[in-house]
Structures are given as structure tokens and as C-alpha cells.
């Protein structure tokens, strides 16, 4: 790996010869990996952001299709709500 590229915080740097320093680096990388894996709010936020970017790109590329999908989804939700209200009021 070249020195120009930053090292990921979950990676152990190569070339550590001291066993204590290597153990510390491995522990630091393991804890960082656990933090990344266990941080559900951040993972959800990242996934949501990716979906938003994808939806905006699709809306830019095919606005009529997206508008039709929104109208269809609204009709389905409206129908489900109407059905529940109708069942409840009987």
C-alpha cells in the first residue's frame, strides 16, 4: 500500500515489528471494526442516504415514471387506510 493513501481505521499498519505495538494496533483495529459494525444508527443513516441519492437520480432520469409510482403508492396506502376504517366502523 502506498504512503499516499490513508489507512482505514479498521486496518493494521504493515511493518510493525514490536509485538506490543502490533498487539495494540490489532486491538485498535478490532475495536474500530466493532464500532463500525455495531453502530446501527450510522449504518441506517448511510443506507438511507444511499437510497435518497438513488431516488433523486431516478427522479432526474425518469420523472414521469417516478410520479406514476408515487401516485400508485398513494392510492395503495389510501385504499389500505380506507379498508381499515371501513372494517373498524362496521
N, C-alpha and C. Protein backbone atom coordinates (compact mmCIF):
# COMPACT_ATOMS: atom_id res chain seq x y z
N UNK A 1 0.87 -1.17 0.00
CA UNK A 1 0.00 0.00 0.00
C UNK A 1 0.91 1.22 0.00
N UNK A 2 0.62 2.19 -0.85
CA UNK A 2 1.47 3.37 -0.92
C UNK A 2 1.19 4.29 0.25
N UNK A 3 2.16 5.14 0.56
CA UNK A 3 2.02 6.05 1.69
C UNK A 3 1.08 7.21 1.36
N UNK A 4 0.72 7.40 0.08
CA UNK A 4 -0.19 8.47 -0.31
C UNK A 4 -1.63 8.17 0.10
N UNK A 5 -1.99 6.91 0.17
CA UNK A 5 -3.36 6.53 0.51
C UNK A 5 -3.51 6.42 2.02
N UNK A 6 -4.59 6.99 2.57
CA UNK A 6 -4.79 6.86 4.02
C UNK A 6 -5.17 5.43 4.37
N UNK A 7 -4.76 5.01 5.54
CA UNK A 7 -5.05 3.68 6.03
C UNK A 7 -6.41 3.69 6.70
N UNK A 8 -7.24 2.72 6.39
CA UNK A 8 -8.55 2.62 7.02
C UNK A 8 -8.37 2.42 8.52
N UNK A 9 -9.34 2.95 9.29
CA UNK A 9 -9.18 2.85 10.74
C UNK A 9 -9.38 1.42 11.25
N UNK A 10 -9.87 0.53 10.40
CA UNK A 10 -10.04 -0.87 10.80
C UNK A 10 -8.91 -1.75 10.28
N UNK A 11 -7.84 -1.14 9.75
CA UNK A 11 -6.71 -1.90 9.22
C UNK A 11 -5.51 -1.77 10.16
N UNK A 12 -4.69 -2.80 10.16
CA UNK A 12 -3.46 -2.79 10.95
C UNK A 12 -2.32 -2.39 10.02
N UNK A 13 -1.54 -1.37 10.39
CA UNK A 13 -0.43 -0.96 9.53
C UNK A 13 0.61 -2.08 9.38
N UNK A 14 1.17 -2.21 8.20
CA UNK A 14 2.19 -3.22 7.95
C UNK A 14 3.54 -2.71 8.44
N UNK A 15 4.41 -3.62 8.76
CA UNK A 15 5.77 -3.25 9.13
C UNK A 15 6.00 -3.04 10.61
N UNK A 16 5.02 -3.34 11.45
CA UNK A 16 5.21 -3.20 12.90
C UNK A 16 5.96 -4.44 13.37
N UNK A 17 7.15 -4.24 13.96
CA UNK A 17 7.94 -5.38 14.41
C UNK A 17 7.81 -5.63 15.90
N UNK A 18 7.54 -4.61 16.69
CA UNK A 18 7.41 -4.76 18.13
C UNK A 18 6.08 -5.48 18.43
N UNK A 19 6.14 -6.61 19.14
CA UNK A 19 4.91 -7.37 19.40
C UNK A 19 3.88 -6.58 20.22
N UNK A 20 4.34 -5.75 21.12
CA UNK A 20 3.41 -4.97 21.93
C UNK A 20 2.70 -3.93 21.05
N UNK A 21 3.46 -3.25 20.23
CA UNK A 21 2.88 -2.25 19.32
C UNK A 21 1.93 -2.91 18.32
N UNK A 22 2.31 -4.10 17.84
CA UNK A 22 1.45 -4.83 16.90
C UNK A 22 0.14 -5.24 17.58
N UNK A 23 0.21 -5.71 18.83
CA UNK A 23 -0.99 -6.10 19.57
C UNK A 23 -1.88 -4.88 19.80
N UNK A 24 -1.28 -3.74 20.13
CA UNK A 24 -2.07 -2.52 20.31
C UNK A 24 -2.75 -2.10 19.02
N UNK A 25 -2.02 -2.19 17.92
CA UNK A 25 -2.59 -1.81 16.62
C UNK A 25 -3.73 -2.75 16.24
N UNK A 26 -3.56 -4.06 16.50
CA UNK A 26 -4.61 -5.03 16.19
C UNK A 26 -5.83 -4.79 17.07
N UNK A 27 -5.61 -4.49 18.35
CA UNK A 27 -6.73 -4.21 19.24
C UNK A 27 -7.47 -2.95 18.80
N UNK A 28 -6.73 -1.93 18.45
CA UNK A 28 -7.35 -0.69 17.98
C UNK A 28 -8.17 -0.94 16.71
N UNK A 29 -7.63 -1.72 15.79
CA UNK A 29 -8.36 -2.04 14.56
C UNK A 29 -9.60 -2.88 14.84
N UNK A 30 -9.48 -3.83 15.77
CA UNK A 30 -10.63 -4.68 16.11
C UNK A 30 -11.74 -3.86 16.76
N UNK A 31 -11.36 -2.97 17.67
CA UNK A 31 -12.36 -2.12 18.31
C UNK A 31 -13.03 -1.18 17.30
N UNK A 32 -12.25 -0.66 16.36
CA UNK A 32 -12.82 0.20 15.33
C UNK A 32 -13.79 -0.58 14.45
N UNK A 33 -13.43 -1.83 14.12
CA UNK A 33 -14.32 -2.66 13.30
C UNK A 33 -15.61 -2.97 14.04
N UNK A 34 -15.51 -3.25 15.34
CA UNK A 34 -16.72 -3.50 16.14
C UNK A 34 -17.59 -2.25 16.18
N UNK A 35 -16.96 -1.09 16.34
CA UNK A 35 -17.72 0.16 16.37
C UNK A 35 -18.46 0.39 15.05
N UNK A 36 -17.77 0.14 13.95
CA UNK A 36 -18.40 0.32 12.64
C UNK A 36 -19.56 -0.66 12.47
N UNK A 37 -19.34 -1.91 12.85
CA UNK A 37 -20.36 -2.94 12.67
C UNK A 37 -21.56 -2.74 13.60
N UNK A 38 -21.32 -2.30 14.84
CA UNK A 38 -22.39 -2.20 15.83
C UNK A 38 -23.13 -0.87 15.82
N UNK A 39 -22.63 0.10 15.09
CA UNK A 39 -23.25 1.43 15.09
C UNK A 39 -24.44 1.44 14.14
N UNK A 40 -25.56 0.89 14.61
CA UNK A 40 -26.76 0.76 13.77
C UNK A 40 -27.32 2.10 13.31
N UNK A 41 -27.41 3.12 14.16
CA UNK A 41 -27.94 4.40 13.66
C UNK A 41 -27.13 4.95 12.49
N UNK A 42 -25.82 4.81 12.56
CA UNK A 42 -25.00 5.31 11.46
C UNK A 42 -25.19 4.46 10.21
N UNK A 43 -25.29 3.15 10.39
CA UNK A 43 -25.49 2.27 9.23
C UNK A 43 -26.84 2.57 8.57
N UNK A 44 -27.87 2.80 9.39
CA UNK A 44 -29.18 3.14 8.86
C UNK A 44 -29.13 4.48 8.13
N UNK A 45 -28.43 5.45 8.73
CA UNK A 45 -28.30 6.77 8.09
C UNK A 45 -27.56 6.66 6.77
N UNK A 46 -26.50 5.86 6.72
CA UNK A 46 -25.76 5.69 5.47
C UNK A 46 -26.62 5.01 4.41
N UNK A 47 -27.38 3.98 4.80
CA UNK A 47 -28.24 3.29 3.86
C UNK A 47 -29.36 4.22 3.37
N UNK A 48 -29.91 5.02 4.27
CA UNK A 48 -30.96 5.97 3.89
C UNK A 48 -30.43 7.00 2.91
N UNK A 49 -29.23 7.50 3.19
CA UNK A 49 -28.62 8.48 2.30
C UNK A 49 -28.38 7.89 0.91
N UNK A 50 -27.94 6.64 0.86
CA UNK A 50 -27.73 5.98 -0.43
C UNK A 50 -29.05 5.83 -1.18
N UNK A 51 -30.12 5.47 -0.48
CA UNK A 51 -31.44 5.35 -1.13
C UNK A 51 -31.94 6.70 -1.63
N UNK A 52 -31.70 7.76 -0.86
CA UNK A 52 -32.13 9.10 -1.27
C UNK A 52 -31.40 9.51 -2.55
N UNK A 53 -30.10 9.26 -2.59
CA UNK A 53 -29.32 9.59 -3.79
C UNK A 53 -29.83 8.80 -4.99
N UNK A 54 -30.12 7.53 -4.78
CA UNK A 54 -30.64 6.69 -5.87
C UNK A 54 -32.01 7.17 -6.34
N UNK A 55 -32.88 7.55 -5.40
CA UNK A 55 -34.22 8.04 -5.76
C UNK A 55 -34.13 9.36 -6.51
N UNK A 56 -33.23 10.25 -6.07
CA UNK A 56 -33.08 11.53 -6.78
C UNK A 56 -32.55 11.32 -8.19
N UNK A 57 -31.61 10.39 -8.34
CA UNK A 57 -31.07 10.10 -9.67
C UNK A 57 -32.17 9.53 -10.57
N UNK A 58 -32.99 8.64 -10.01
CA UNK A 58 -34.08 8.06 -10.79
C UNK A 58 -35.11 9.12 -11.14
N UNK A 59 -35.40 10.02 -10.21
CA UNK A 59 -36.37 11.09 -10.47
C UNK A 59 -35.85 12.04 -11.54
N UNK A 60 -34.55 12.26 -11.55
CA UNK A 60 -33.97 13.12 -12.57
C UNK A 60 -34.00 12.44 -13.95
N UNK A 61 -33.74 11.13 -13.98
CA UNK A 61 -33.69 10.40 -15.24
C UNK A 61 -35.07 10.07 -15.79
N UNK A 62 -36.04 9.80 -14.92
CA UNK A 62 -37.37 9.38 -15.37
C UNK A 62 -38.44 10.00 -14.47
N UNK A 63 -38.70 11.30 -14.61
CA UNK A 63 -39.64 11.96 -13.70
C UNK A 63 -41.08 11.46 -13.85
N UNK A 64 -41.49 11.09 -15.06
CA UNK A 64 -42.87 10.61 -15.25
C UNK A 64 -43.06 9.26 -14.56
N UNK A 65 -42.08 8.39 -14.67
CA UNK A 65 -42.17 7.08 -14.02
C UNK A 65 -42.22 7.21 -12.51
N UNK A 66 -41.42 8.12 -11.96
CA UNK A 66 -41.41 8.32 -10.51
C UNK A 66 -42.74 8.92 -10.05
N UNK A 67 -43.27 9.87 -10.83
CA UNK A 67 -44.56 10.46 -10.47
C UNK A 67 -45.66 9.39 -10.49
N UNK A 68 -45.62 8.52 -11.47
CA UNK A 68 -46.61 7.44 -11.54
C UNK A 68 -46.47 6.49 -10.34
N UNK A 69 -45.23 6.21 -9.95
CA UNK A 69 -45.01 5.33 -8.81
C UNK A 69 -45.52 5.98 -7.52
N UNK A 70 -45.30 7.29 -7.37
CA UNK A 70 -45.78 7.99 -6.18
C UNK A 70 -47.31 7.99 -6.13
N UNK A 71 -47.94 8.25 -7.26
CA UNK A 71 -49.41 8.24 -7.31
C UNK A 71 -49.93 6.83 -7.01
N UNK A 72 -49.29 5.81 -7.56
CA UNK A 72 -49.70 4.44 -7.29
C UNK A 72 -49.54 4.06 -5.83
N UNK A 73 -48.41 4.45 -5.24
CA UNK A 73 -48.19 4.15 -3.81
C UNK A 73 -49.21 4.88 -2.94
N UNK A 74 -49.53 6.13 -3.28
CA UNK A 74 -50.53 6.88 -2.52
C UNK A 74 -51.90 6.22 -2.63
N UNK A 75 -52.22 5.72 -3.82
CA UNK A 75 -53.51 5.04 -3.99
C UNK A 75 -53.58 3.76 -3.16
N UNK A 76 -52.49 3.02 -3.13
CA UNK A 76 -52.46 1.79 -2.34
C UNK A 76 -52.60 2.10 -0.85
N UNK A 77 -51.85 3.08 -0.36
CA UNK A 77 -51.93 3.45 1.05
C UNK A 77 -53.33 3.96 1.37
N UNK A 78 -53.88 4.78 0.50
CA UNK A 78 -55.24 5.27 0.71
C UNK A 78 -56.25 4.16 0.76
N UNK A 79 -56.10 3.18 -0.13
CA UNK A 79 -57.00 2.03 -0.14
C UNK A 79 -56.90 1.20 1.12
N UNK A 80 -55.68 1.00 1.60
CA UNK A 80 -55.49 0.23 2.83
C UNK A 80 -56.11 0.96 4.02
N UNK A 81 -55.87 2.26 4.12
CA UNK A 81 -56.45 3.04 5.22
C UNK A 81 -57.97 3.03 5.13
N UNK A 82 -58.50 3.22 3.93
CA UNK A 82 -59.95 3.20 3.74
C UNK A 82 -60.51 1.84 4.17
N UNK A 83 -59.83 0.76 3.81
CA UNK A 83 -60.29 -0.58 4.19
C UNK A 83 -60.31 -0.79 5.69
N UNK A 84 -59.24 -0.33 6.37
CA UNK A 84 -59.21 -0.46 7.82
C UNK A 84 -60.30 0.36 8.49
N UNK A 85 -60.50 1.57 8.01
CA UNK A 85 -61.55 2.41 8.59
C UNK A 85 -62.91 1.79 8.36
N UNK A 86 -63.12 1.25 7.19
CA UNK A 86 -64.41 0.62 6.88
C UNK A 86 -64.66 -0.59 7.78
N UNK A 87 -63.62 -1.40 7.98
CA UNK A 87 -63.76 -2.56 8.88
C UNK A 87 -64.00 -2.12 10.32
N UNK A 88 -63.34 -1.07 10.73
CA UNK A 88 -63.46 -0.59 12.11
C UNK A 88 -64.86 -0.02 12.39
N UNK A 89 -65.42 0.67 11.41
CA UNK A 89 -66.72 1.34 11.63
C UNK A 89 -67.89 0.37 11.48
N UNK A 90 -67.69 -0.81 11.05
CA UNK A 90 -68.80 -1.77 10.92
C UNK A 90 -69.17 -2.37 12.22
